[in-house]
N, C-alpha and C. Protein backbone atom coordinates (compact mmCIF):
# COMPACT_ATOMS: atom_id res chain seq x y z
N MET A 1 10.53 10.83 16.27
CA MET A 1 9.68 9.73 16.96
C MET A 1 8.76 9.04 16.22
N ILE A 2 8.71 7.79 16.23
CA ILE A 2 7.99 6.91 15.96
C ILE A 2 6.54 6.85 16.46
N ARG A 3 5.39 6.89 15.52
CA ARG A 3 4.20 7.38 15.82
C ARG A 3 3.35 6.10 15.50
N GLY A 4 3.98 5.18 14.64
CA GLY A 4 2.97 4.07 14.32
C GLY A 4 3.93 2.84 13.77
N ILE A 5 3.60 1.79 13.86
CA ILE A 5 4.22 0.97 12.93
C ILE A 5 2.81 -0.23 12.32
N GLY A 6 3.23 -0.79 11.15
CA GLY A 6 2.29 -1.65 10.57
C GLY A 6 2.76 -2.77 9.79
N ILE A 7 2.46 -4.05 9.73
CA ILE A 7 3.01 -5.13 8.65
C ILE A 7 1.75 -5.91 8.22
N ASP A 8 1.81 -6.08 7.02
CA ASP A 8 0.67 -7.21 6.36
C ASP A 8 1.42 -7.99 5.62
N THR A 9 0.95 -9.28 5.35
CA THR A 9 1.24 -10.24 4.24
C THR A 9 0.16 -10.44 3.90
N VAL A 10 0.37 -10.92 2.30
CA VAL A 10 -0.87 -11.05 1.33
C VAL A 10 -0.44 -12.41 0.94
N VAL A 11 -1.45 -13.45 0.59
CA VAL A 11 -1.26 -14.69 -0.36
C VAL A 11 -1.11 -14.13 -1.76
N ILE A 12 -0.12 -14.22 -2.57
CA ILE A 12 0.00 -13.91 -3.99
C ILE A 12 -1.14 -14.69 -4.92
N GLY A 13 -1.17 -15.87 -4.58
CA GLY A 13 -2.23 -16.60 -5.16
C GLY A 13 -3.38 -16.24 -5.18
N ASP A 14 -3.77 -15.67 -4.05
CA ASP A 14 -5.10 -15.14 -3.75
C ASP A 14 -5.50 -13.81 -4.63
N VAL A 15 -4.44 -12.95 -4.78
CA VAL A 15 -4.56 -11.81 -5.68
C VAL A 15 -4.52 -12.32 -7.14
N GLU A 16 -3.80 -13.39 -7.65
CA GLU A 16 -4.16 -13.96 -8.73
C GLU A 16 -5.53 -14.53 -9.14
N GLY A 17 -6.15 -14.94 -7.97
CA GLY A 17 -7.51 -15.60 -8.26
C GLY A 17 -8.40 -14.06 -8.34
N LEU A 18 -8.37 -12.91 -7.68
CA LEU A 18 -8.92 -11.86 -7.71
C LEU A 18 -9.05 -11.24 -9.12
N LEU A 19 -7.67 -11.40 -9.77
CA LEU A 19 -7.43 -10.59 -10.94
C LEU A 19 -8.12 -11.48 -12.03
N LYS A 20 -8.37 -12.85 -12.05
CA LYS A 20 -9.02 -13.40 -12.91
C LYS A 20 -10.70 -13.20 -12.88
N ARG A 21 -11.21 -12.86 -11.52
CA ARG A 21 -12.47 -12.63 -11.30
C ARG A 21 -13.12 -11.20 -11.26
N MET A 22 -12.18 -10.64 -11.03
CA MET A 22 -12.78 -9.18 -10.70
C MET A 22 -12.49 -8.42 -12.32
N SER A 23 -13.40 -7.39 -12.40
CA SER A 23 -13.26 -6.18 -13.16
C SER A 23 -11.96 -5.10 -12.83
N LYS A 24 -11.72 -4.50 -13.90
CA LYS A 24 -10.86 -3.55 -13.68
C LYS A 24 -11.37 -2.36 -13.00
N GLY A 25 -12.88 -2.20 -13.02
CA GLY A 25 -13.58 -1.30 -12.49
C GLY A 25 -13.70 -1.68 -10.80
N THR A 26 -13.63 -2.76 -10.51
CA THR A 26 -13.58 -3.34 -9.12
C THR A 26 -12.09 -3.20 -8.74
N LEU A 27 -11.29 -3.51 -9.34
CA LEU A 27 -9.90 -3.32 -8.81
C LEU A 27 -9.52 -1.92 -8.62
N SER A 28 -10.18 -0.92 -9.31
CA SER A 28 -10.07 0.46 -9.22
C SER A 28 -10.48 0.75 -7.94
N LYS A 29 -11.30 0.27 -7.27
CA LYS A 29 -11.93 0.66 -5.84
C LYS A 29 -10.69 0.33 -4.85
N VAL A 30 -9.71 -0.16 -5.11
CA VAL A 30 -8.91 -0.55 -3.87
C VAL A 30 -7.42 0.01 -4.51
N PHE A 31 -6.88 -0.18 -5.56
CA PHE A 31 -5.83 0.43 -6.39
C PHE A 31 -5.99 1.41 -7.02
N THR A 32 -4.78 2.33 -7.32
CA THR A 32 -4.61 3.47 -8.04
C THR A 32 -4.60 3.22 -9.32
N GLN A 33 -4.94 4.19 -10.37
CA GLN A 33 -4.70 3.82 -11.55
C GLN A 33 -3.03 3.49 -12.04
N GLY A 34 -2.15 4.23 -11.09
CA GLY A 34 -0.93 4.15 -11.51
C GLY A 34 -0.53 2.78 -11.23
N GLU A 35 -1.27 2.33 -10.02
CA GLU A 35 -0.79 0.84 -9.58
C GLU A 35 -1.30 -0.26 -10.42
N LEU A 36 -2.41 -0.05 -10.77
CA LEU A 36 -2.83 -1.14 -12.00
C LEU A 36 -2.04 -1.01 -13.49
N SER A 37 -1.69 0.27 -13.67
CA SER A 37 -1.04 0.52 -15.16
C SER A 37 0.45 -0.31 -14.89
N ALA A 38 1.06 -0.17 -13.66
CA ALA A 38 2.23 -0.50 -13.63
C ALA A 38 2.25 -1.88 -13.47
N ALA A 39 1.41 -2.56 -12.76
CA ALA A 39 0.97 -4.19 -12.75
C ALA A 39 1.12 -4.70 -14.04
N GLN A 40 0.33 -4.08 -15.06
CA GLN A 40 0.41 -4.45 -16.21
C GLN A 40 1.47 -4.73 -17.23
N GLU A 41 2.42 -3.81 -16.35
CA GLU A 41 3.98 -3.90 -17.31
C GLU A 41 4.82 -4.94 -16.68
N LYS A 42 4.23 -5.64 -15.48
CA LYS A 42 5.23 -6.49 -14.97
C LYS A 42 4.90 -8.13 -15.25
N ALA A 43 5.90 -8.78 -15.21
CA ALA A 43 5.88 -9.88 -15.66
C ALA A 43 4.94 -10.70 -14.82
N GLY A 44 4.88 -10.38 -13.34
CA GLY A 44 3.95 -11.13 -12.34
C GLY A 44 3.10 -10.11 -11.62
N PRO A 45 1.93 -9.68 -12.42
CA PRO A 45 0.99 -8.34 -12.11
C PRO A 45 0.40 -8.78 -10.61
N ALA A 46 -0.15 -10.40 -10.29
CA ALA A 46 -0.19 -10.57 -9.19
C ALA A 46 0.52 -10.35 -7.82
N GLU A 47 1.80 -10.74 -7.94
CA GLU A 47 2.91 -10.47 -7.16
C GLU A 47 3.23 -8.79 -6.99
N TYR A 48 2.85 -8.00 -7.92
CA TYR A 48 3.06 -6.46 -7.66
C TYR A 48 1.59 -6.15 -6.70
N LEU A 49 0.68 -6.35 -7.36
CA LEU A 49 -0.65 -5.95 -6.66
C LEU A 49 -0.71 -6.52 -5.24
N ALA A 50 -0.33 -7.70 -5.12
CA ALA A 50 -0.15 -8.38 -3.80
C ALA A 50 0.64 -7.17 -2.76
N SER A 51 1.71 -7.17 -3.22
CA SER A 51 2.84 -6.15 -2.38
C SER A 51 1.93 -4.89 -2.11
N ARG A 52 1.50 -4.54 -3.19
CA ARG A 52 0.81 -2.94 -2.89
C ARG A 52 -0.41 -3.12 -2.12
N PHE A 53 -0.92 -4.08 -2.01
CA PHE A 53 -2.04 -4.49 -1.09
C PHE A 53 -1.60 -4.40 0.39
N ALA A 54 -0.63 -5.20 0.40
CA ALA A 54 0.20 -5.26 1.77
C ALA A 54 0.55 -4.06 2.26
N VAL A 55 1.33 -3.15 1.38
CA VAL A 55 1.55 -1.84 1.88
C VAL A 55 0.22 -1.04 2.33
N LYS A 56 -0.87 -1.21 1.66
CA LYS A 56 -2.15 -0.46 2.18
C LYS A 56 -2.33 -0.88 3.52
N GLU A 57 -2.64 -2.23 3.63
CA GLU A 57 -2.91 -2.60 5.10
C GLU A 57 -1.90 -2.25 6.05
N ALA A 58 -0.34 -2.45 5.70
CA ALA A 58 0.51 -1.95 6.80
C ALA A 58 0.44 -0.47 7.08
N ALA A 59 0.09 0.09 6.01
CA ALA A 59 0.07 1.83 6.17
C ALA A 59 -1.17 2.10 7.01
N PHE A 60 -2.06 1.34 6.70
CA PHE A 60 -3.36 1.63 7.57
C PHE A 60 -3.37 1.27 9.16
N LYS A 61 -2.65 0.23 9.38
CA LYS A 61 -2.36 -0.08 10.78
C LYS A 61 -1.23 0.97 11.47
N ALA A 62 -0.48 1.47 10.58
CA ALA A 62 0.56 2.21 11.26
C ALA A 62 0.06 3.91 11.22
N ILE A 63 -1.36 4.41 10.51
CA ILE A 63 -1.69 5.51 10.55
C ILE A 63 -3.05 5.62 11.60
N ALA A 64 -3.99 4.53 11.31
CA ALA A 64 -5.11 4.55 11.63
C ALA A 64 -5.42 4.67 13.41
N PRO A 65 -4.56 4.22 14.06
CA PRO A 65 -4.91 4.42 15.45
C PRO A 65 -4.77 6.00 15.88
N ARG A 66 -4.11 6.53 15.09
CA ARG A 66 -3.73 8.07 15.41
C ARG A 66 -5.04 9.15 14.99
N LEU A 67 -5.93 8.34 14.43
CA LEU A 67 -6.99 9.22 13.79
C LEU A 67 -8.52 9.10 14.66
N ALA A 68 -9.15 10.02 14.74
CA ALA A 68 -10.55 10.01 15.17
C ALA A 68 -11.34 8.98 14.67
N ASP A 69 -11.15 9.37 13.04
CA ASP A 69 -11.83 8.32 12.28
C ASP A 69 -11.14 7.47 11.82
N LYS A 70 -11.44 5.92 12.06
CA LYS A 70 -10.36 4.96 12.08
C LYS A 70 -10.43 4.46 10.14
N GLY A 71 -11.07 4.90 9.49
CA GLY A 71 -11.24 4.40 8.32
C GLY A 71 -10.83 5.49 6.97
N PHE A 72 -10.11 5.15 5.89
CA PHE A 72 -9.75 5.84 4.97
C PHE A 72 -9.68 5.04 3.75
N ASP A 73 -9.79 5.70 2.50
CA ASP A 73 -9.92 4.96 1.24
C ASP A 73 -8.58 4.57 1.07
N TYR A 74 -8.31 3.16 0.62
CA TYR A 74 -7.10 2.58 0.31
C TYR A 74 -6.52 3.09 -0.74
N ARG A 75 -7.23 3.93 -1.73
CA ARG A 75 -6.40 4.26 -2.91
C ARG A 75 -5.82 5.86 -2.63
N ARG A 76 -5.69 6.26 -1.17
CA ARG A 76 -5.00 7.18 -0.48
C ARG A 76 -3.62 7.02 -0.44
N ILE A 77 -3.24 5.40 -0.49
CA ILE A 77 -2.08 5.03 -0.19
C ILE A 77 -1.60 4.35 -1.38
N GLU A 78 -0.61 5.08 -2.09
CA GLU A 78 0.06 4.33 -3.28
C GLU A 78 1.47 4.45 -3.23
N THR A 79 1.99 3.13 -3.76
CA THR A 79 3.41 2.81 -3.35
C THR A 79 3.87 3.13 -4.86
N ARG A 80 4.85 3.49 -4.79
CA ARG A 80 5.92 3.97 -6.13
C ARG A 80 7.34 3.46 -5.80
N ASN A 81 8.01 3.56 -6.96
CA ASN A 81 9.58 3.22 -6.50
C ASN A 81 10.37 4.26 -7.12
N ASN A 82 11.45 4.47 -6.00
CA ASN A 82 12.51 5.50 -6.49
C ASN A 82 13.15 4.97 -7.71
N GLU A 83 14.17 5.55 -8.20
CA GLU A 83 14.93 5.21 -9.37
C GLU A 83 15.66 3.85 -8.96
N ASP A 84 16.23 3.64 -7.77
CA ASP A 84 17.11 2.49 -7.37
C ASP A 84 16.02 1.47 -7.31
N GLY A 85 14.84 1.41 -7.34
CA GLY A 85 13.84 0.25 -7.11
C GLY A 85 13.31 0.43 -5.86
N SER A 86 13.77 0.88 -5.11
CA SER A 86 12.92 0.93 -3.46
C SER A 86 11.81 1.65 -3.49
N PRO A 87 11.05 1.25 -2.65
CA PRO A 87 9.46 1.69 -2.64
C PRO A 87 9.53 2.84 -1.78
N TYR A 88 8.46 3.69 -2.04
CA TYR A 88 8.07 4.67 -1.19
C TYR A 88 6.73 4.69 -1.21
N ILE A 89 5.78 5.66 -0.38
CA ILE A 89 4.50 5.97 -0.26
C ILE A 89 4.42 7.05 -0.88
N TYR A 90 3.85 7.45 -2.05
CA TYR A 90 3.36 8.69 -2.47
C TYR A 90 2.55 9.60 -1.79
N VAL A 91 2.82 10.66 -1.42
CA VAL A 91 1.90 11.57 -0.41
C VAL A 91 1.57 12.69 -1.15
N ASP A 92 0.30 12.46 -1.64
CA ASP A 92 -0.83 13.60 -2.40
C ASP A 92 -1.44 14.48 -1.17
N SER A 93 -2.17 15.61 -1.81
CA SER A 93 -2.61 16.32 -0.88
C SER A 93 -3.54 15.88 0.24
N PHE A 94 -4.26 14.73 -0.31
CA PHE A 94 -5.35 14.08 0.54
C PHE A 94 -4.53 13.22 1.51
N LEU A 95 -3.75 12.55 1.14
CA LEU A 95 -3.02 11.79 2.04
C LEU A 95 -2.24 12.72 3.01
N GLN A 96 -1.81 13.76 2.88
CA GLN A 96 -1.19 14.50 3.67
C GLN A 96 -2.00 15.14 4.65
N ALA A 97 -3.15 15.44 4.33
CA ALA A 97 -4.20 15.94 5.09
C ALA A 97 -4.29 14.86 6.11
N ILE A 98 -4.34 13.55 5.86
CA ILE A 98 -4.53 12.37 6.75
C ILE A 98 -3.40 12.56 7.71
N LEU A 99 -2.17 12.46 7.14
CA LEU A 99 -0.91 12.71 7.79
C LEU A 99 -0.87 13.57 9.09
N ASP A 100 -1.28 14.78 8.35
CA ASP A 100 -1.34 15.99 9.51
C ASP A 100 -2.11 15.67 10.68
N CYS A 101 -3.52 15.40 10.36
CA CYS A 101 -4.39 14.87 11.61
C CYS A 101 -3.62 13.75 12.20
N ALA A 102 -2.97 12.89 11.67
CA ALA A 102 -2.43 11.93 12.71
C ALA A 102 -1.05 12.55 13.30
N GLU A 103 -0.65 13.61 13.02
CA GLU A 103 0.79 13.96 13.60
C GLU A 103 1.82 13.17 12.86
N ILE A 104 1.65 13.01 11.55
CA ILE A 104 2.51 12.15 11.07
C ILE A 104 3.47 12.96 9.89
N THR A 105 4.86 12.72 9.88
CA THR A 105 5.56 13.75 8.88
C THR A 105 6.21 12.65 7.86
N SER A 106 6.42 11.53 8.06
CA SER A 106 6.86 10.64 7.17
C SER A 106 6.57 9.24 7.35
N LEU A 107 6.70 8.50 6.26
CA LEU A 107 6.17 7.22 6.16
C LEU A 107 7.30 6.57 5.29
N PHE A 108 7.91 5.25 6.11
CA PHE A 108 8.77 4.49 5.58
C PHE A 108 8.21 3.07 5.32
N VAL A 109 8.64 2.62 4.38
CA VAL A 109 8.11 1.07 3.69
C VAL A 109 8.96 0.26 3.28
N SER A 110 9.01 -0.90 3.59
CA SER A 110 9.84 -2.15 3.10
C SER A 110 8.92 -3.29 2.60
N ILE A 111 9.33 -3.74 1.48
CA ILE A 111 8.24 -4.86 0.92
C ILE A 111 9.33 -5.98 0.79
N THR A 112 8.63 -7.18 0.86
CA THR A 112 9.56 -8.27 0.35
C THR A 112 8.53 -9.40 -0.09
N THR A 113 8.90 -10.06 -1.16
CA THR A 113 8.09 -11.17 -1.59
C THR A 113 8.77 -12.64 -1.90
N THR A 114 8.35 -13.69 -1.12
CA THR A 114 8.99 -14.93 -1.13
C THR A 114 7.92 -16.03 -0.70
N GLY A 115 8.35 -17.19 -1.43
CA GLY A 115 7.11 -18.23 -0.71
C GLY A 115 5.82 -17.87 -1.37
N GLY A 116 5.54 -17.36 -2.20
CA GLY A 116 4.02 -16.96 -2.69
C GLY A 116 3.59 -16.07 -1.61
N MET A 117 4.41 -15.49 -0.60
CA MET A 117 3.62 -14.34 -0.29
C MET A 117 4.31 -13.05 -0.23
N ALA A 118 3.37 -11.77 -0.09
CA ALA A 118 4.17 -10.55 -0.23
C ALA A 118 3.89 -9.91 1.18
N THR A 119 5.21 -9.41 1.88
CA THR A 119 4.86 -8.62 3.09
C THR A 119 5.51 -7.32 3.13
N ALA A 120 4.93 -6.37 3.83
CA ALA A 120 5.00 -4.79 3.88
C ALA A 120 5.28 -4.45 5.39
N PHE A 121 6.03 -3.74 5.46
CA PHE A 121 6.32 -3.00 6.94
C PHE A 121 6.31 -1.77 6.56
N VAL A 122 5.59 -0.66 7.46
CA VAL A 122 5.45 0.51 7.37
C VAL A 122 5.71 1.24 8.99
N VAL A 123 6.74 2.03 8.81
CA VAL A 123 6.82 2.96 10.12
C VAL A 123 6.34 4.45 9.67
N ALA A 124 5.61 4.86 10.40
CA ALA A 124 5.25 6.19 10.32
C ALA A 124 5.87 6.94 11.62
N GLU A 125 6.25 7.93 11.34
CA GLU A 125 7.28 8.94 12.24
C GLU A 125 6.84 10.45 12.08
N SER A 126 7.21 11.10 13.20
CA SER A 126 6.99 12.68 13.22
C SER A 126 8.43 13.21 13.61
């Protein structure tokens, strides 16, 4: 059963500007160390991080309405890639506790980047 959906779009140029202005310490308040490290290995780190931020926002929109406390740390949402390149949201013990409270057993994610935009769609299911 679908418990929530979320979608978000981020302007890649905006993230590019943030990367020029923000320190790694400030970025680590939003992105996980894994996301920041992976971005540095990419030809387009701004595109990579924009897509990851879009996932964080979309996941929040899919999960938060089912929680009594509507906020959580965006670093709890980490996007990784399967061997075939498809994205997934890594579920650690902290995120699992949030998902348990929201009665969510699975998160599905799709990401696309085009025309200077990164869009993510998340489906939360039980």
